[in-house]
Amino acid sequence: MTDTSARPFRLDPPGTISLRAAFFVLWIVDAIAATLFFVVPYASELNPITVFFYGLFGLPGVPLAAICYAVIVVAIGHLLSEPLDLRFVIVMVGLYALFVTNNVLLLVLRRPPLELVGI
């Protein structure tokens, strides 16, 4: 009989390296865009947690909130079993792609993307 409690905790990262890299790249662009929202007068951050961290810590609170989000996503990905972990990361990459597209277009065009298409 073997004692499984003596085995060290091993990380089992979900998905492929390219999927994890896509998440990281989108996450960093979103974190930068969210930080810029507090610098430019024509855009505002809608996420109440990020706004709360900004109120507590100032501008460094914005990347701190983004780091907390990434830690939560990575932890959930590690806790889920395969194939749920892969699906979860794919959904997170999709959501971050949507957020990044919205945030970057808002910063570049100075208008919300939905307003540009007439919605």
N, C-alpha and C. Protein backbone atom coordinates (compact mmCIF):
# COMPACT_ATOMS: atom_id res chain seq x y z
N MET A 1 0.84 -1.17 0.00
CA MET A 1 0.00 0.00 0.00
C MET A 1 0.89 1.23 0.00
N THR A 2 0.58 2.19 -0.88
CA THR A 2 1.39 3.41 -0.94
C THR A 2 0.63 4.56 -0.32
N ASP A 3 1.41 5.45 0.26
CA ASP A 3 0.84 6.63 0.90
C ASP A 3 0.88 7.79 -0.10
N THR A 4 -0.28 8.17 -0.61
CA THR A 4 -0.33 9.25 -1.62
C THR A 4 -0.16 10.62 -0.99
N SER A 5 -0.34 10.75 0.31
CA SER A 5 -0.20 12.07 0.95
C SER A 5 1.25 12.51 1.00
N ALA A 6 2.19 11.58 0.90
CA ALA A 6 3.61 11.94 0.95
C ALA A 6 4.11 12.45 -0.40
N ARG A 7 3.33 12.22 -1.46
CA ARG A 7 3.74 12.66 -2.79
C ARG A 7 3.64 14.18 -2.87
N PRO A 8 4.66 14.85 -3.41
CA PRO A 8 4.60 16.30 -3.50
C PRO A 8 3.54 16.75 -4.50
N PHE A 9 3.01 17.93 -4.27
CA PHE A 9 2.01 18.50 -5.16
C PHE A 9 2.67 18.83 -6.50
N ARG A 10 2.09 18.32 -7.58
CA ARG A 10 2.64 18.58 -8.91
C ARG A 10 1.65 19.40 -9.72
N LEU A 11 2.16 20.42 -10.38
CA LEU A 11 1.32 21.23 -11.23
C LEU A 11 1.09 20.52 -12.55
N ASP A 12 -0.12 20.60 -13.02
CA ASP A 12 -0.48 20.00 -14.28
C ASP A 12 -1.12 21.09 -15.13
N PRO A 13 -0.29 21.87 -15.83
CA PRO A 13 -0.85 23.00 -16.58
C PRO A 13 -1.79 22.55 -17.68
N PRO A 14 -2.92 23.23 -17.80
CA PRO A 14 -3.90 22.82 -18.82
C PRO A 14 -3.52 23.31 -20.21
N GLY A 15 -3.93 22.56 -21.21
CA GLY A 15 -3.76 22.99 -22.59
C GLY A 15 -2.33 22.91 -23.08
N THR A 16 -2.14 23.44 -24.27
CA THR A 16 -0.83 23.44 -24.89
C THR A 16 -0.06 24.69 -24.48
N ILE A 17 1.21 24.68 -24.79
CA ILE A 17 2.03 25.85 -24.48
C ILE A 17 1.54 27.06 -25.26
N SER A 18 1.14 26.87 -26.51
CA SER A 18 0.67 28.00 -27.31
C SER A 18 -0.64 28.57 -26.75
N LEU A 19 -1.51 27.74 -26.21
CA LEU A 19 -2.75 28.22 -25.60
C LEU A 19 -2.44 29.02 -24.34
N ARG A 20 -1.52 28.53 -23.54
CA ARG A 20 -1.13 29.27 -22.33
C ARG A 20 -0.43 30.57 -22.70
N ALA A 21 0.37 30.57 -23.76
CA ALA A 21 1.03 31.79 -24.22
C ALA A 21 0.00 32.79 -24.72
N ALA A 22 -1.02 32.32 -25.42
CA ALA A 22 -2.08 33.21 -25.90
C ALA A 22 -2.79 33.87 -24.72
N PHE A 23 -3.07 33.08 -23.67
CA PHE A 23 -3.69 33.65 -22.48
C PHE A 23 -2.80 34.73 -21.88
N PHE A 24 -1.50 34.44 -21.74
CA PHE A 24 -0.59 35.40 -21.13
C PHE A 24 -0.50 36.68 -21.96
N VAL A 25 -0.39 36.56 -23.27
CA VAL A 25 -0.27 37.75 -24.14
C VAL A 25 -1.54 38.60 -24.05
N LEU A 26 -2.70 37.95 -24.15
CA LEU A 26 -3.95 38.69 -24.05
C LEU A 26 -4.12 39.30 -22.67
N TRP A 27 -3.73 38.58 -21.64
CA TRP A 27 -3.83 39.10 -20.27
C TRP A 27 -2.97 40.34 -20.10
N ILE A 28 -1.74 40.32 -20.60
CA ILE A 28 -0.85 41.47 -20.41
C ILE A 28 -1.35 42.68 -21.19
N VAL A 29 -1.87 42.47 -22.41
CA VAL A 29 -2.42 43.59 -23.18
C VAL A 29 -3.64 44.16 -22.45
N ASP A 30 -4.48 43.30 -21.91
CA ASP A 30 -5.65 43.76 -21.17
C ASP A 30 -5.23 44.52 -19.91
N ALA A 31 -4.22 44.05 -19.22
CA ALA A 31 -3.74 44.73 -18.01
C ALA A 31 -3.19 46.12 -18.35
N ILE A 32 -2.47 46.23 -19.45
CA ILE A 32 -1.95 47.53 -19.88
C ILE A 32 -3.09 48.46 -20.26
N ALA A 33 -4.04 47.95 -21.02
CA ALA A 33 -5.19 48.77 -21.42
C ALA A 33 -5.99 49.23 -20.20
N ALA A 34 -6.21 48.34 -19.25
CA ALA A 34 -6.94 48.72 -18.04
C ALA A 34 -6.20 49.79 -17.26
N THR A 35 -4.88 49.70 -17.22
CA THR A 35 -4.07 50.73 -16.54
C THR A 35 -4.21 52.06 -17.26
N LEU A 36 -4.21 52.03 -18.59
CA LEU A 36 -4.34 53.27 -19.36
C LEU A 36 -5.71 53.91 -19.17
N PHE A 37 -6.72 53.13 -18.84
CA PHE A 37 -8.05 53.69 -18.60
C PHE A 37 -8.04 54.71 -17.47
N PHE A 38 -7.12 54.54 -16.53
CA PHE A 38 -7.05 55.46 -15.40
C PHE A 38 -6.20 56.69 -15.71
N VAL A 39 -5.57 56.70 -16.88
CA VAL A 39 -4.70 57.80 -17.27
C VAL A 39 -5.39 58.71 -18.29
N VAL A 40 -6.17 58.14 -19.19
CA VAL A 40 -6.83 58.93 -20.23
C VAL A 40 -8.18 59.43 -19.71
N PRO A 41 -8.58 60.64 -20.11
CA PRO A 41 -9.85 61.19 -19.60
C PRO A 41 -11.10 60.66 -20.31
N TYR A 42 -10.97 60.04 -21.47
CA TYR A 42 -12.13 59.67 -22.26
C TYR A 42 -12.56 58.22 -22.08
N ALA A 43 -11.90 57.45 -21.25
CA ALA A 43 -12.27 56.06 -21.02
C ALA A 43 -12.30 55.80 -19.53
N SER A 44 -13.13 54.84 -19.14
CA SER A 44 -13.18 54.49 -17.72
C SER A 44 -13.28 52.98 -17.57
N GLU A 45 -12.70 52.50 -16.51
CA GLU A 45 -12.71 51.06 -16.21
C GLU A 45 -14.06 50.71 -15.61
N LEU A 46 -14.65 49.64 -16.09
CA LEU A 46 -15.96 49.21 -15.61
C LEU A 46 -15.89 48.14 -14.54
N ASN A 47 -14.76 47.44 -14.45
CA ASN A 47 -14.64 46.35 -13.49
C ASN A 47 -14.54 46.92 -12.07
N PRO A 48 -15.52 46.63 -11.20
CA PRO A 48 -15.51 47.23 -9.86
C PRO A 48 -14.34 46.76 -8.99
N ILE A 49 -13.85 45.55 -9.20
CA ILE A 49 -12.70 45.08 -8.42
C ILE A 49 -11.45 45.87 -8.78
N THR A 50 -11.24 46.11 -10.07
CA THR A 50 -10.10 46.90 -10.51
C THR A 50 -10.21 48.32 -9.98
N VAL A 51 -11.39 48.90 -10.03
CA VAL A 51 -11.60 50.25 -9.51
C VAL A 51 -11.34 50.27 -8.00
N PHE A 52 -11.77 49.23 -7.29
CA PHE A 52 -11.52 49.14 -5.85
C PHE A 52 -10.02 49.09 -5.55
N PHE A 53 -9.28 48.25 -6.29
CA PHE A 53 -7.83 48.17 -6.09
C PHE A 53 -7.17 49.50 -6.43
N TYR A 54 -7.67 50.19 -7.46
CA TYR A 54 -7.14 51.50 -7.81
C TYR A 54 -7.37 52.49 -6.66
N GLY A 55 -8.55 52.42 -6.06
CA GLY A 55 -8.85 53.29 -4.92
C GLY A 55 -7.95 53.01 -3.72
N LEU A 56 -7.62 51.75 -3.50
CA LEU A 56 -6.76 51.38 -2.37
C LEU A 56 -5.28 51.69 -2.59
N PHE A 57 -4.78 51.34 -3.79
CA PHE A 57 -3.34 51.38 -4.03
C PHE A 57 -2.91 52.38 -5.10
N GLY A 58 -3.85 53.08 -5.70
CA GLY A 58 -3.52 53.98 -6.80
C GLY A 58 -3.26 53.18 -8.07
N LEU A 59 -2.48 53.74 -8.97
CA LEU A 59 -2.22 53.10 -10.25
C LEU A 59 -1.59 51.71 -10.13
N PRO A 60 -0.69 51.45 -9.15
CA PRO A 60 -0.18 50.07 -9.01
C PRO A 60 -1.26 49.05 -8.65
N GLY A 61 -2.39 49.49 -8.15
CA GLY A 61 -3.47 48.57 -7.83
C GLY A 61 -4.11 47.94 -9.06
N VAL A 62 -4.00 48.61 -10.21
CA VAL A 62 -4.60 48.07 -11.43
C VAL A 62 -3.87 46.81 -11.89
N PRO A 63 -2.52 46.86 -12.04
CA PRO A 63 -1.84 45.60 -12.38
C PRO A 63 -1.95 44.55 -11.28
N LEU A 64 -2.04 44.99 -10.03
CA LEU A 64 -2.22 44.04 -8.93
C LEU A 64 -3.55 43.30 -9.08
N ALA A 65 -4.60 44.01 -9.44
CA ALA A 65 -5.90 43.35 -9.69
C ALA A 65 -5.77 42.38 -10.85
N ALA A 66 -5.07 42.78 -11.91
CA ALA A 66 -4.88 41.91 -13.07
C ALA A 66 -4.10 40.65 -12.68
N ILE A 67 -3.12 40.80 -11.83
CA ILE A 67 -2.35 39.63 -11.36
C ILE A 67 -3.26 38.70 -10.57
N CYS A 68 -4.13 39.26 -9.75
CA CYS A 68 -5.06 38.43 -8.98
C CYS A 68 -5.98 37.64 -9.92
N TYR A 69 -6.46 38.30 -10.99
CA TYR A 69 -7.31 37.58 -11.95
C TYR A 69 -6.54 36.44 -12.59
N ALA A 70 -5.31 36.69 -12.99
CA ALA A 70 -4.51 35.64 -13.65
C ALA A 70 -4.26 34.48 -12.70
N VAL A 71 -3.96 34.78 -11.44
CA VAL A 71 -3.73 33.72 -10.45
C VAL A 71 -4.98 32.87 -10.28
N ILE A 72 -6.13 33.51 -10.25
CA ILE A 72 -7.38 32.77 -10.10
C ILE A 72 -7.62 31.87 -11.31
N VAL A 73 -7.41 32.40 -12.51
CA VAL A 73 -7.61 31.60 -13.73
C VAL A 73 -6.65 30.42 -13.76
N VAL A 74 -5.38 30.67 -13.46
CA VAL A 74 -4.39 29.59 -13.47
C VAL A 74 -4.71 28.55 -12.41
N ALA A 75 -5.11 28.99 -11.21
CA ALA A 75 -5.44 28.05 -10.14
C ALA A 75 -6.64 27.18 -10.53
N ILE A 76 -7.66 27.80 -11.10
CA ILE A 76 -8.83 27.02 -11.52
C ILE A 76 -8.43 26.03 -12.60
N GLY A 77 -7.60 26.45 -13.55
CA GLY A 77 -7.14 25.56 -14.60
C GLY A 77 -6.38 24.36 -14.05
N HIS A 78 -5.62 24.58 -12.98
CA HIS A 78 -4.87 23.48 -12.37
C HIS A 78 -5.78 22.55 -11.57
N LEU A 79 -6.85 23.08 -11.01
CA LEU A 79 -7.73 22.26 -10.19
C LEU A 79 -8.70 21.40 -11.02
N LEU A 80 -9.07 21.89 -12.18
CA LEU A 80 -10.00 21.14 -13.02
C LEU A 80 -9.30 19.94 -13.65
N SER A 81 -10.08 18.90 -13.87
CA SER A 81 -9.51 17.73 -14.52
C SER A 81 -9.62 17.88 -16.04
N GLU A 82 -8.82 17.11 -16.74
CA GLU A 82 -8.86 17.13 -18.19
C GLU A 82 -10.13 16.43 -18.66
N PRO A 83 -10.87 16.87 -19.59
CA PRO A 83 -10.68 17.96 -20.55
C PRO A 83 -11.31 19.27 -20.10
N LEU A 84 -11.91 19.32 -18.89
CA LEU A 84 -12.52 20.55 -18.42
C LEU A 84 -11.50 21.68 -18.30
N ASP A 85 -10.27 21.36 -17.90
CA ASP A 85 -9.26 22.40 -17.76
C ASP A 85 -8.93 23.04 -19.10
N LEU A 86 -8.85 22.24 -20.14
CA LEU A 86 -8.57 22.76 -21.48
C LEU A 86 -9.73 23.64 -21.96
N ARG A 87 -10.94 23.20 -21.75
CA ARG A 87 -12.12 23.99 -22.15
C ARG A 87 -12.17 25.30 -21.38
N PHE A 88 -11.86 25.26 -20.10
CA PHE A 88 -11.86 26.46 -19.28
C PHE A 88 -10.86 27.47 -19.81
N VAL A 89 -9.65 27.02 -20.10
CA VAL A 89 -8.63 27.94 -20.61
C VAL A 89 -9.02 28.50 -21.97
N ILE A 90 -9.62 27.68 -22.82
CA ILE A 90 -10.08 28.16 -24.13
C ILE A 90 -11.14 29.25 -23.95
N VAL A 91 -12.06 29.05 -23.02
CA VAL A 91 -13.08 30.07 -22.74
C VAL A 91 -12.43 31.35 -22.22
N MET A 92 -11.44 31.21 -21.33
CA MET A 92 -10.76 32.39 -20.79
C MET A 92 -10.00 33.14 -21.88
N VAL A 93 -9.35 32.43 -22.78
CA VAL A 93 -8.65 33.07 -23.90
C VAL A 93 -9.67 33.82 -24.77
N GLY A 94 -10.82 33.20 -25.02
CA GLY A 94 -11.86 33.87 -25.80
C GLY A 94 -12.37 35.14 -25.13
N LEU A 95 -12.61 35.06 -23.81
CA LEU A 95 -13.07 36.24 -23.09
C LEU A 95 -12.02 37.35 -23.09
N TYR A 96 -10.78 36.99 -22.82
CA TYR A 96 -9.72 38.00 -22.84
C TYR A 96 -9.55 38.59 -24.24
N ALA A 97 -9.72 37.81 -25.29
CA ALA A 97 -9.65 38.34 -26.65
C ALA A 97 -10.74 39.38 -26.86
N LEU A 98 -11.93 39.11 -26.35
CA LEU A 98 -13.03 40.06 -26.45
C LEU A 98 -12.72 41.33 -25.65
N PHE A 99 -12.25 41.17 -24.42
CA PHE A 99 -11.92 42.33 -23.58
C PHE A 99 -10.82 43.17 -24.21
N VAL A 100 -9.78 42.51 -24.70
CA VAL A 100 -8.66 43.22 -25.29
C VAL A 100 -9.10 43.99 -26.53
N THR A 101 -9.89 43.35 -27.37
CA THR A 101 -10.37 44.02 -28.57
C THR A 101 -11.16 45.27 -28.20
N ASN A 102 -12.07 45.13 -27.26
CA ASN A 102 -12.87 46.26 -26.81
C ASN A 102 -11.99 47.36 -26.22
N ASN A 103 -11.09 47.00 -25.33
CA ASN A 103 -10.28 47.99 -24.64
C ASN A 103 -9.32 48.71 -25.58
N VAL A 104 -8.68 47.97 -26.45
CA VAL A 104 -7.72 48.59 -27.37
C VAL A 104 -8.45 49.51 -28.36
N LEU A 105 -9.58 49.05 -28.89
CA LEU A 105 -10.34 49.90 -29.80
C LEU A 105 -10.83 51.17 -29.10
N LEU A 106 -11.25 51.04 -27.86
CA LEU A 106 -11.68 52.20 -27.09
C LEU A 106 -10.53 53.18 -26.89
N LEU A 107 -9.35 52.68 -26.59
CA LEU A 107 -8.20 53.56 -26.39
C LEU A 107 -7.75 54.22 -27.69
N VAL A 108 -7.76 53.46 -28.77
CA VAL A 108 -7.26 53.98 -30.05
C VAL A 108 -8.28 54.92 -30.71
N LEU A 109 -9.54 54.51 -30.74
CA LEU A 109 -10.56 55.27 -31.45
C LEU A 109 -11.29 56.29 -30.58
N ARG A 110 -11.08 56.23 -29.28
CA ARG A 110 -11.68 57.14 -28.30
C ARG A 110 -13.20 57.04 -28.24
N ARG A 111 -13.75 55.97 -28.77
CA ARG A 111 -15.18 55.71 -28.71
C ARG A 111 -15.41 54.23 -28.47
N PRO A 112 -16.45 53.87 -27.74
CA PRO A 112 -16.74 52.44 -27.54
C PRO A 112 -17.03 51.76 -28.86
N PRO A 113 -16.50 50.55 -29.06
CA PRO A 113 -16.72 49.81 -30.32
C PRO A 113 -18.19 49.62 -30.67
N LEU A 114 -19.04 49.37 -29.70
CA LEU A 114 -20.47 49.19 -29.98
C LEU A 114 -21.11 50.48 -30.51
N GLU A 115 -20.60 51.61 -30.04
CA GLU A 115 -21.09 52.90 -30.54
C GLU A 115 -20.69 53.10 -31.99
N LEU A 116 -19.54 52.58 -32.37
CA LEU A 116 -19.05 52.73 -33.74
C LEU A 116 -19.90 51.96 -34.74
N VAL A 117 -20.47 50.83 -34.30
CA VAL A 117 -21.31 50.03 -35.21
C VAL A 117 -22.79 50.39 -35.10
N GLY A 118 -23.10 51.38 -34.28
CA GLY A 118 -24.46 51.88 -34.20
C GLY A 118 -25.34 51.20 -33.18
N ILE A 119 -24.77 50.50 -32.23
CA ILE A 119 -25.58 49.83 -31.19
C ILE A 119 -25.61 50.70 -29.96
